[in-house]
Amino acid sequence: MKRPKHELTFEAVQHFLLARERSTQKRQALLEALTEDVMREKRRWTITQLHILSLVNSNQCGMNNASLAAELHVSKPAVTKAVNILVEHQLLLTSKKSDNQKELYYDVTDKGRQLAAVHDQMHNN
């Protein structure tokens, strides 16, 4: 016997909601696990530091103080101060390009990627 359309529609909506709830729960569990790891550090990170980690993590062509300052609309000294703390805590690594030994470029460590993921996840929720 053929089922009425409203029953099929209701079942499809119910299936969608359950799948969405499972996905949300998985995302929340990941966020909680990453947050626990980060919180063990007992360090309060500034918004600027978190944004720097996220930007460097998502930008593969390399970012320096000038590009970070322009992207975040903050001063270069503010970027320098934030970056120095991130480097000190081994969240960022510095490097120089072979054709430009003057400017420092940044890369995220594994530990920095975890914190960037937590930051990005908080923006997505």
Protein backbone atom coordinates (compact mmCIF):
# COMPACT_ATOMS: atom_id res chain seq x y z
CA MET A 1 0.00 0.00 0.00
CA LYS A 2 1.32 3.43 -0.94
CA ARG A 3 2.07 5.77 1.96
CA PRO A 4 0.67 9.33 1.96
CA LYS A 5 3.02 12.13 0.95
CA HIS A 6 2.75 13.88 4.32
CA GLU A 7 4.04 10.74 6.08
CA LEU A 8 6.99 10.51 3.68
CA THR A 9 7.70 14.20 4.11
CA PHE A 10 7.52 13.95 7.89
CA GLU A 11 9.87 10.94 7.83
CA ALA A 12 12.36 12.79 5.58
CA VAL A 13 12.37 15.84 7.87
CA GLN A 14 12.81 13.59 10.91
CA HIS A 15 15.75 11.81 9.23
CA PHE A 16 17.34 15.17 8.33
CA LEU A 17 16.99 16.46 11.91
CA LEU A 18 18.51 13.31 13.40
CA ALA A 19 21.46 13.43 10.99
CA ARG A 20 21.99 17.10 11.77
CA GLU A 21 21.85 16.43 15.53
CA ARG A 22 24.45 13.63 15.20
CA SER A 23 26.71 15.93 13.22
CA THR A 24 26.34 18.70 15.81
CA GLN A 25 27.13 16.27 18.63
CA LYS A 26 30.27 15.04 16.85
CA ARG A 27 31.42 18.63 16.25
CA GLN A 28 30.74 19.53 19.88
CA ALA A 29 32.68 16.49 21.13
CA LEU A 30 35.65 17.46 18.93
CA LEU A 31 35.48 21.04 20.17
CA GLU A 32 35.38 19.89 23.80
CA ALA A 33 38.34 17.54 23.31
CA LEU A 34 40.41 20.24 21.63
CA THR A 35 39.38 22.79 24.22
CA GLU A 36 40.47 20.47 27.05
CA ASP A 37 43.92 20.13 25.47
CA VAL A 38 44.21 23.88 25.04
CA MET A 39 42.92 24.68 28.54
CA ARG A 40 45.56 22.49 30.15
CA GLU A 41 47.94 25.27 29.18
CA LYS A 42 46.15 27.55 31.66
CA ARG A 43 46.96 30.49 29.41
CA ARG A 44 44.52 33.16 28.32
CA TRP A 45 44.99 33.92 24.65
CA THR A 46 44.03 37.31 23.23
CA ILE A 47 41.64 37.66 20.32
CA THR A 48 44.51 39.03 18.22
CA GLN A 49 46.68 35.98 18.99
CA LEU A 50 43.85 33.61 18.10
CA HIS A 51 43.11 35.46 14.86
CA ILE A 52 46.81 35.40 13.93
CA LEU A 53 46.96 31.63 14.45
CA SER A 54 43.85 31.15 12.36
CA LEU A 55 45.11 33.37 9.54
CA VAL A 56 48.56 31.80 9.40
CA ASN A 57 47.01 28.34 9.56
CA SER A 58 44.65 29.04 6.65
CA ASN A 59 47.12 30.97 4.49
CA GLN A 60 49.62 28.65 2.80
CA CYS A 61 51.61 31.34 0.98
CA GLY A 62 53.10 32.70 4.19
CA MET A 63 52.22 35.71 6.23
CA ASN A 64 54.48 38.31 7.79
CA ASN A 65 53.87 41.20 10.20
CA ALA A 66 52.77 43.58 7.46
CA SER A 67 50.24 41.17 5.92
CA LEU A 68 48.87 40.19 9.35
CA ALA A 69 48.54 43.85 10.40
CA ALA A 70 46.73 44.70 7.17
CA GLU A 71 44.39 41.70 7.41
CA LEU A 72 43.54 42.28 11.08
CA HIS A 73 43.45 46.08 10.91
CA VAL A 74 45.88 46.41 13.83
CA SER A 75 49.28 48.04 14.13
CA LYS A 76 52.50 46.22 13.25
CA PRO A 77 53.75 46.57 16.86
CA ALA A 78 50.55 44.88 18.09
CA VAL A 79 51.19 42.01 15.69
CA THR A 80 54.82 41.77 16.80
CA LYS A 81 53.81 41.60 20.46
CA ALA A 82 51.19 38.89 19.80
CA VAL A 83 53.49 36.89 17.51
CA ASN A 84 56.36 36.96 20.02
CA ILE A 85 54.13 35.32 22.64
CA LEU A 86 52.90 32.72 20.13
CA VAL A 87 56.50 31.90 19.15
CA GLU A 88 57.54 31.75 22.81
CA HIS A 89 54.76 29.20 23.49
CA GLN A 90 55.75 27.20 20.39
CA LEU A 91 52.51 27.84 18.52
CA LEU A 92 54.23 29.65 15.63
CA LEU A 93 57.55 29.13 13.89
CA THR A 94 59.49 31.86 12.12
CA SER A 95 61.35 31.57 8.84
CA LYS A 96 62.92 33.75 6.19
CA LYS A 97 62.63 33.36 2.45
CA SER A 98 65.84 32.78 0.55
CA ASP A 99 65.30 35.87 -1.60
CA ASN A 100 64.44 38.11 1.38
CA GLN A 101 66.46 37.63 4.54
CA LYS A 102 64.95 40.73 6.15
CA GLU A 103 61.30 39.76 6.68
CA LEU A 104 60.08 37.03 9.02
CA TYR A 105 57.33 34.71 7.83
CA TYR A 106 55.25 32.49 10.09
CA ASP A 107 54.08 28.90 10.09
CA VAL A 108 51.82 27.17 12.61
CA THR A 109 53.05 24.23 14.70
CA ASP A 110 50.84 21.19 15.41
CA LYS A 111 50.02 22.69 18.81
CA GLY A 112 49.13 25.98 17.08
CA ARG A 113 46.89 24.15 14.59
CA GLN A 114 44.92 22.68 17.48
CA LEU A 115 44.33 26.10 19.02
CA ALA A 116 43.47 27.57 15.59
CA ALA A 117 40.95 24.73 15.11
CA VAL A 118 39.30 25.55 18.44
CA HIS A 119 39.15 29.23 17.49
CA ASP A 120 37.71 28.47 14.06
CA GLN A 121 35.20 26.02 15.52
CA MET A 122 33.98 28.68 17.97
CA HIS A 123 33.31 30.99 15.03
CA ASN A 124 31.38 28.24 13.26
CA ASN A 125 29.05 27.58 16.21
